[in-house]
Amino acid sequence: MKKFFTFLFFMTFIILIIGVWSFEKNDQVRQLTYKTLIGQHHIPEEYVPIYQDAADEYDVPWELLASVHRVETIFSTMDPLISPVGAVGHFQFMPRTWVGWSYPGGDLGQIEDEIDITDVALIEEHRGYGVDATGNGVADPFDMYDAAYSAARYLADHGASDGEYEEALFAYNQSQEYVNQVMGYFNSYKQHYELVSLPFAYGKK
């Protein structure tokens, strides 16, 4: 009997180790786990001050930014933060939207890999939406502050600052299903929200 319980303990330990390893290394496992664990009213507390600062800067509701972040990357738990079509960063900007659509590239918004899309001068020249929110001289979609400020700027320019949330969201991602998803979270967060911690979120420091 003692050998049986020792074996059972050993197997449980192995399964636990495999589960933790799969969670940390396998993006699909991570995303499925977070989709299951993150509830309709949950918001990671470490991101709220960033949402609020960006929202105040561009006069949009911070809960709208939280909702976009939730739908786009499940609060940055997607790893890497690059979509199959080439959208990048915490808020999933296409590179040409980040740099500006006057810059040459693909119809979906792709830009050649060797182009530095964090170049502030390049963004200003082509009137892109990338923002250097931290003042460090680069506008990086993989920086949470830069990404959140850029998303707030984009949404504001497309109607969110005037309360036209669905129109702004449709401009952000031209899918009515996407708009419905984001608005679902937005309405939930406006009613009430619960702050949670995501210890394995991408790029968390």
C-alpha atoms as a PDB file:
ATOM      1  CA  MET A   1       0.000   0.000   0.000  1.00  0.00           C
ATOM      2  CA  LYS A   2       2.845   2.362   0.851  1.00  0.00           C
ATOM      3  CA  LYS A   3       4.414   1.691  -2.555  1.00  0.00           C
ATOM      4  CA  PHE A   4       1.082   2.456  -4.229  1.00  0.00           C
ATOM      5  CA  PHE A   5       0.767   5.861  -2.533  1.00  0.00           C
ATOM      6  CA  THR A   6       4.396   6.640  -3.318  1.00  0.00           C
ATOM      7  CA  PHE A   7       3.776   5.818  -6.961  1.00  0.00           C
ATOM      8  CA  LEU A   8       0.554   7.871  -6.963  1.00  0.00           C
ATOM      9  CA  PHE A   9       2.366  10.863  -5.438  1.00  0.00           C
ATOM     10  CA  PHE A  10       5.178  10.532  -7.956  1.00  0.00           C
ATOM     11  CA  MET A  11       2.782  10.386 -10.922  1.00  0.00           C
ATOM     12  CA  THR A  12       0.802  13.377  -9.619  1.00  0.00           C
ATOM     13  CA  PHE A  13       4.023  15.339  -9.287  1.00  0.00           C
ATOM     14  CA  ILE A  14       5.062  14.438 -12.845  1.00  0.00           C
ATOM     15  CA  ILE A  15       1.665  15.425 -14.237  1.00  0.00           C
ATOM     16  CA  LEU A  16       1.865  18.737 -12.382  1.00  0.00           C
ATOM     17  CA  ILE A  17       5.329  19.455 -13.780  1.00  0.00           C
ATOM     18  CA  ILE A  18       4.172  18.601 -17.302  1.00  0.00           C
ATOM     19  CA  GLY A  19       1.124  20.828 -16.866  1.00  0.00           C
ATOM     20  CA  VAL A  20       3.198  23.811 -15.701  1.00  0.00           C
ATOM     21  CA  TRP A  21       5.695  23.300 -18.518  1.00  0.00           C
ATOM     22  CA  SER A  22       2.914  23.074 -21.101  1.00  0.00           C
ATOM     23  CA  PHE A  23       1.302  26.218 -19.728  1.00  0.00           C
ATOM     24  CA  GLU A  24       4.497  28.243 -19.923  1.00  0.00           C
ATOM     25  CA  LYS A  25       5.814  26.899 -23.234  1.00  0.00           C
ATOM     26  CA  ASN A  26       2.739  26.114 -25.305  1.00  0.00           C
ATOM     27  CA  ASP A  27       0.848  29.150 -26.563  1.00  0.00           C
ATOM     28  CA  GLN A  28      -2.349  27.212 -27.326  1.00  0.00           C
ATOM     29  CA  VAL A  29      -2.406  25.741 -23.817  1.00  0.00           C
ATOM     30  CA  ARG A  30      -1.801  29.172 -22.302  1.00  0.00           C
ATOM     31  CA  GLN A  31      -4.542  30.808 -24.339  1.00  0.00           C
ATOM     32  CA  LEU A  32      -7.059  28.060 -23.633  1.00  0.00           C
ATOM     33  CA  THR A  33      -6.223  28.240 -19.927  1.00  0.00           C
ATOM     34  CA  TYR A  34      -6.622  31.992 -19.755  1.00  0.00           C
ATOM     35  CA  LYS A  35      -9.809  31.948 -21.842  1.00  0.00           C
ATOM     36  CA  THR A  36     -11.198  29.536 -19.266  1.00  0.00           C
ATOM     37  CA  LEU A  37      -9.906  31.287 -16.146  1.00  0.00           C
ATOM     38  CA  ILE A  38     -10.432  34.949 -17.030  1.00  0.00           C
ATOM     39  CA  GLY A  39     -14.054  35.750 -16.321  1.00  0.00           C
ATOM     40  CA  GLN A  40     -16.397  38.201 -17.994  1.00  0.00           C
ATOM     41  CA  HIS A  41     -15.702  40.877 -15.364  1.00  0.00           C
ATOM     42  CA  HIS A  42     -11.989  40.245 -14.739  1.00  0.00           C
ATOM     43  CA  ILE A  43      -9.330  42.882 -15.480  1.00  0.00           C
ATOM     44  CA  PRO A  44      -5.609  42.525 -14.599  1.00  0.00           C
ATOM     45  CA  GLU A  45      -4.941  45.143 -11.959  1.00  0.00           C
ATOM     46  CA  GLU A  46      -1.445  45.993 -13.229  1.00  0.00           C
ATOM     47  CA  TYR A  47      -2.882  47.274 -16.515  1.00  0.00           C
ATOM     48  CA  VAL A  48      -5.621  49.523 -15.135  1.00  0.00           C
ATOM     49  CA  PRO A  49      -3.385  52.583 -14.464  1.00  0.00           C
ATOM     50  CA  ILE A  50      -2.071  52.331 -18.042  1.00  0.00           C
ATOM     51  CA  TYR A  51      -5.577  52.144 -19.475  1.00  0.00           C
ATOM     52  CA  GLN A  52      -6.658  55.107 -17.373  1.00  0.00           C
ATOM     53  CA  ASP A  53      -3.690  57.301 -18.307  1.00  0.00           C
ATOM     54  CA  ALA A  54      -4.103  56.558 -22.015  1.00  0.00           C
ATOM     55  CA  ALA A  55      -7.865  57.058 -21.827  1.00  0.00           C
ATOM     56  CA  ASP A  56      -7.477  60.419 -20.092  1.00  0.00           C
ATOM     57  CA  GLU A  57      -4.992  61.534 -22.746  1.00  0.00           C
ATOM     58  CA  TYR A  58      -7.367  60.797 -25.625  1.00  0.00           C
ATOM     59  CA  ASP A  59     -10.749  61.205 -23.939  1.00  0.00           C
ATOM     60  CA  VAL A  60     -12.014  57.651 -24.302  1.00  0.00           C
ATOM     61  CA  PRO A  61     -13.342  55.285 -21.610  1.00  0.00           C
ATOM     62  CA  TRP A  62     -10.581  53.222 -20.040  1.00  0.00           C
ATOM     63  CA  GLU A  63     -12.957  50.263 -19.913  1.00  0.00           C
ATOM     64  CA  LEU A  64     -13.061  50.353 -23.722  1.00  0.00           C
ATOM     65  CA  LEU A  65      -9.277  49.978 -23.860  1.00  0.00           C
ATOM     66  CA  ALA A  66      -9.459  47.100 -21.399  1.00  0.00           C
ATOM     67  CA  SER A  67     -12.092  45.431 -23.578  1.00  0.00           C
ATOM     68  CA  VAL A  68     -10.022  45.781 -26.748  1.00  0.00           C
ATOM     69  CA  HIS A  69      -6.976  44.421 -24.916  1.00  0.00           C
ATOM     70  CA  ARG A  70      -9.048  41.474 -23.657  1.00  0.00           C
ATOM     71  CA  VAL A  71     -10.293  40.522 -27.111  1.00  0.00           C
ATOM     72  CA  GLU A  72      -7.098  41.215 -29.054  1.00  0.00           C
ATOM     73  CA  THR A  73      -4.543  39.305 -26.948  1.00  0.00           C
ATOM     74  CA  ILE A  74      -6.448  38.037 -23.883  1.00  0.00           C
ATOM     75  CA  PHE A  75      -4.651  40.695 -21.831  1.00  0.00           C
ATOM     76  CA  SER A  76      -1.273  39.986 -23.473  1.00  0.00           C
ATOM     77  CA  THR A  77      -1.276  36.287 -22.590  1.00  0.00           C
ATOM     78  CA  MET A  78      -0.820  35.471 -26.284  1.00  0.00           C
ATOM     79  CA  ASP A  79       2.824  34.593 -26.851  1.00  0.00           C
ATOM     80  CA  PRO A  80       4.279  35.764 -29.147  1.00  0.00           C
ATOM     81  CA  LEU A  81       2.185  38.874 -29.638  1.00  0.00           C
ATOM     82  CA  ILE A  82       2.075  38.418 -33.405  1.00  0.00           C
ATOM     83  CA  SER A  83      -1.048  37.285 -35.240  1.00  0.00           C
ATOM     84  CA  PRO A  84      -1.089  34.956 -38.263  1.00  0.00           C
ATOM     85  CA  VAL A  85      -1.782  37.942 -40.553  1.00  0.00           C
ATOM     86  CA  GLY A  86       1.038  40.038 -39.063  1.00  0.00           C
ATOM     87  CA  ALA A  87      -0.657  42.235 -36.457  1.00  0.00           C
ATOM     88  CA  VAL A  88       1.811  42.996 -33.680  1.00  0.00           C
ATOM     89  CA  GLY A  89       1.969  43.982 -30.053  1.00  0.00           C
ATOM     90  CA  HIS A  90      -0.330  44.135 -27.064  1.00  0.00           C
ATOM     91  CA  PHE A  91      -3.155  45.749 -29.048  1.00  0.00           C
ATOM     92  CA  GLN A  92      -2.476  44.028 -32.377  1.00  0.00           C
ATOM     93  CA  PHE A  93      -1.709  46.835 -34.805  1.00  0.00           C
ATOM     94  CA  MET A  94      -0.907  46.107 -38.412  1.00  0.00           C
ATOM     95  CA  PRO A  95       2.514  47.650 -39.098  1.00  0.00           C
ATOM     96  CA  ARG A  96       1.200  50.087 -41.725  1.00  0.00           C
ATOM     97  CA  THR A  97      -1.453  51.337 -39.318  1.00  0.00           C
ATOM     98  CA  TRP A  98       1.283  51.857 -36.744  1.00  0.00           C
ATOM     99  CA  VAL A  99       3.670  53.611 -39.156  1.00  0.00           C
ATOM    100  CA  GLY A 100       1.110  55.172 -41.462  1.00  0.00           C
ATOM    101  CA  TRP A 101      -0.638  53.934 -44.599  1.00  0.00           C
ATOM    102  CA  SER A 102       1.315  56.260 -46.863  1.00  0.00           C
ATOM    103  CA  TYR A 103       4.286  53.987 -46.221  1.00  0.00           C
ATOM    104  CA  PRO A 104       4.455  51.262 -48.914  1.00  0.00           C
ATOM    105  CA  GLY A 105       3.497  47.726 -48.000  1.00  0.00           C
ATOM    106  CA  GLY A 106       0.888  45.001 -48.306  1.00  0.00           C
ATOM    107  CA  ASP A 107      -2.842  45.579 -48.670  1.00  0.00           C
ATOM    108  CA  LEU A 108      -3.474  43.995 -45.269  1.00  0.00           C
ATOM    109  CA  GLY A 109      -1.022  46.375 -43.628  1.00  0.00           C
ATOM    110  CA  GLN A 110       2.230  44.430 -43.760  1.00  0.00           C
ATOM    111  CA  ILE A 111       5.640  46.104 -43.999  1.00  0.00           C
ATOM    112  CA  GLU A 112       8.982  44.538 -44.880  1.00  0.00           C
ATOM    113  CA  ASP A 113      10.591  42.989 -41.795  1.00  0.00           C
ATOM    114  CA  GLU A 114      13.748  45.089 -41.932  1.00  0.00           C
ATOM    115  CA  ILE A 115      11.811  48.366 -41.510  1.00  0.00           C
ATOM    116  CA  ASP A 116      12.020  49.812 -38.009  1.00  0.00           C
ATOM    117  CA  ILE A 117       8.379  50.503 -37.199  1.00  0.00           C
ATOM    118  CA  THR A 118       9.367  52.013 -33.831  1.00  0.00           C
ATOM    119  CA  ASP A 119      11.051  54.977 -35.575  1.00  0.00           C
ATOM    120  CA  VAL A 120       9.149  58.036 -34.321  1.00  0.00           C
ATOM    121  CA  ALA A 121      10.322  60.212 -37.233  1.00  0.00           C
ATOM    122  CA  LEU A 122       9.050  57.611 -39.714  1.00  0.00           C
ATOM    123  CA  ILE A 123       5.704  57.464 -37.952  1.00  0.00           C
ATOM    124  CA  GLU A 124       5.373  61.245 -37.931  1.00  0.00           C
ATOM    125  CA  GLU A 125       6.282  61.431 -41.628  1.00  0.00           C
ATOM    126  CA  HIS A 126       3.584  58.933 -42.584  1.00  0.00           C
ATOM    127  CA  ARG A 127       1.039  60.014 -39.956  1.00  0.00           C
ATOM    128  CA  GLY A 128       0.814  56.648 -38.269  1.00  0.00           C
ATOM    129  CA  TYR A 129      -0.817  55.874 -34.966  1.00  0.00           C
ATOM    130  CA  GLY A 130       2.260  54.656 -33.104  1.00  0.00           C
ATOM    131  CA  VAL A 131       2.848  56.697 -29.941  1.00  0.00           C
ATOM    132  CA  ASP A 132       5.991  57.071 -27.840  1.00  0.00           C
ATOM    133  CA  ALA A 133       4.083  57.202 -24.568  1.00  0.00           C
ATOM    134  CA  THR A 134       7.135  56.715 -22.342  1.00  0.00           C
ATOM    135  CA  GLY A 135       9.282  59.379 -23.997  1.00  0.00           C
ATOM    136  CA  ASN A 136      12.183  57.008 -24.629  1.00  0.00           C
ATOM    137  CA  GLY A 137      12.505  57.935 -28.298  1.00  0.00           C
ATOM    138  CA  VAL A 138      10.759  54.894 -29.796  1.00  0.00           C
ATOM    139  CA  ALA A 139       7.128  53.950 -30.379  1.00  0.00           C
ATOM    140  CA  ASP A 140       7.015  50.226 -29.756  1.00  0.00           C
ATOM    141  CA  PRO A 141       3.821  48.155 -30.187  1.00  0.00           C
ATOM    142  CA  PHE A 142       5.383  45.574 -27.847  1.00  0.00           C
ATOM    143  CA  ASP A 143       5.624  48.202 -25.095  1.00  0.00           C
ATOM    144  CA  MET A 144       2.382  48.169 -23.115  1.00  0.00           C
ATOM    145  CA  TYR A 145       2.324  51.936 -22.587  1.00  0.00           C
ATOM    146  CA  ASP A 146       3.003  52.764 -26.236  1.00  0.00           C
ATOM    147  CA  ALA A 147       0.458  50.195 -27.401  1.00  0.00           C
ATOM    148  CA  ALA A 148      -2.309  51.384 -25.068  1.00  0.00           C
ATOM    149  CA  TYR A 149      -1.782  55.062 -25.935  1.00  0.00           C
ATOM    150  CA  SER A 150      -1.756  54.205 -29.643  1.00  0.00           C
ATOM    151  CA  ALA A 151      -4.995  52.235 -29.331  1.00  0.00           C
ATOM    152  CA  ALA A 152      -6.611  55.100 -27.432  1.00  0.00           C
ATOM    153  CA  ARG A 153      -5.469  57.550 -30.092  1.00  0.00           C
ATOM    154  CA  TYR A 154      -6.815  55.393 -32.908  1.00  0.00           C
ATOM    155  CA  LEU A 155     -10.179  54.814 -31.231  1.00  0.00           C
ATOM    156  CA  ALA A 156     -10.521  58.505 -30.395  1.00  0.00           C
ATOM    157  CA  ASP A 157      -9.796  59.533 -33.984  1.00  0.00           C
ATOM    158  CA  HIS A 158     -12.445  57.131 -35.226  1.00  0.00           C
ATOM    159  CA  GLY A 159     -15.273  58.311 -33.005  1.00  0.00           C
ATOM    160  CA  ALA A 160     -14.773  56.874 -29.510  1.00  0.00           C
ATOM    161  CA  SER A 161     -14.087  60.303 -27.998  1.00  0.00           C
ATOM    162  CA  ASP A 162     -17.558  61.313 -29.208  1.00  0.00           C
ATOM    163  CA  GLY A 163     -19.213  58.194 -27.825  1.00  0.00           C
ATOM    164  CA  GLU A 164     -19.319  56.388 -31.177  1.00  0.00           C
ATOM    165  CA  TYR A 165     -17.790  53.246 -29.748  1.00  0.00           C
ATOM    166  CA  GLU A 166     -19.087  50.691 -32.212  1.00  0.00           C
ATOM    167  CA  GLU A 167     -17.994  52.788 -35.191  1.00  0.00           C
ATOM    168  CA  ALA A 168     -14.514  53.174 -33.705  1.00  0.00           C
ATOM    169  CA  LEU A 169     -14.246  49.460 -33.003  1.00  0.00           C
ATOM    170  CA  PHE A 170     -15.343  48.558 -36.503  1.00  0.00           C
ATOM    171  CA  ALA A 171     -12.607  50.810 -37.880  1.00  0.00           C
ATOM    172  CA  TYR A 172     -10.132  49.065 -35.567  1.00  0.00           C
ATOM    173  CA  ASN A 173     -11.167  45.610 -36.788  1.00  0.00           C
ATOM    174  CA  GLN A 174     -13.715  45.434 -39.579  1.00  0.00           C
ATOM    175  CA  SER A 175     -15.762  42.588 -38.176  1.00  0.00           C
ATOM    176  CA  GLN A 176     -19.164  42.933 -36.574  1.00  0.00           C
ATOM    177  CA  GLU A 177     -18.444  39.832 -34.503  1.00  0.00           C
ATOM    178  CA  TYR A 178     -15.348  41.592 -33.147  1.00  0.00           C
ATOM    179  CA  VAL A 179     -17.367  44.708 -32.350  1.00  0.00           C
ATOM    180  CA  ASN A 180     -19.966  42.629 -30.516  1.00  0.00           C
ATOM    181  CA  GLN A 181     -17.282  40.829 -28.521  1.00  0.00           C
ATOM    182  CA  VAL A 182     -15.567  44.021 -27.405  1.00  0.00           C
ATOM    183  CA  MET A 183     -18.845  45.751 -26.594  1.00  0.00           C
ATOM    184  CA  GLY A 184     -19.869  42.729 -24.531  1.00  0.00           C
ATOM    185  CA  TYR A 185     -16.836  43.128 -22.298  1.00  0.00           C
ATOM    186  CA  PHE A 186     -17.162  46.909 -22.296  1.00  0.00           C
ATOM    187  CA  ASN A 187     -20.737  46.748 -21.026  1.00  0.00           C
ATOM    188  CA  SER A 188     -19.722  44.139 -18.432  1.00  0.00           C
ATOM    189  CA  TYR A 189     -16.867  46.293 -17.148  1.00  0.00           C
ATOM    190  CA  LYS A 190     -19.089  49.370 -16.994  1.00  0.00           C
ATOM    191  CA  GLN A 191     -21.465  47.470 -14.700  1.00  0.00           C
ATOM    192  CA  HIS A 192     -18.718  46.153 -12.434  1.00  0.00           C
ATOM    193  CA  TYR A 193     -15.268  44.628 -12.671  1.00  0.00           C
ATOM    194  CA  GLU A 194     -12.987  42.491 -10.550  1.00  0.00           C
ATOM    195  CA  LEU A 195      -9.235  43.055 -10.443  1.00  0.00           C
ATOM    196  CA  VAL A 196      -7.078  39.954 -10.876  1.00  0.00           C
ATOM    197  CA  SER A 197      -3.401  39.139 -11.331  1.00  0.00           C
ATOM    198  CA  LEU A 198      -1.945  37.330 -14.352  1.00  0.00           C
ATOM    199  CA  PRO A 199       1.509  36.119 -13.272  1.00  0.00           C
ATOM    200  CA  PHE A 200       2.443  34.666 -16.677  1.00  0.00           C
ATOM    201  CA  ALA A 201       1.241  37.483 -18.952  1.00  0.00           C
ATOM    202  CA  TYR A 202       3.543  38.192 -21.893  1.00  0.00           C
ATOM    203  CA  GLY A 203       6.205  40.764 -21.123  1.00  0.00           C
ATOM    204  CA  LYS A 204       5.112  41.212 -17.519  1.00  0.00           C
ATOM    205  CA  LYS A 205       7.808  42.702 -15.330  1.00  0.00           C
END
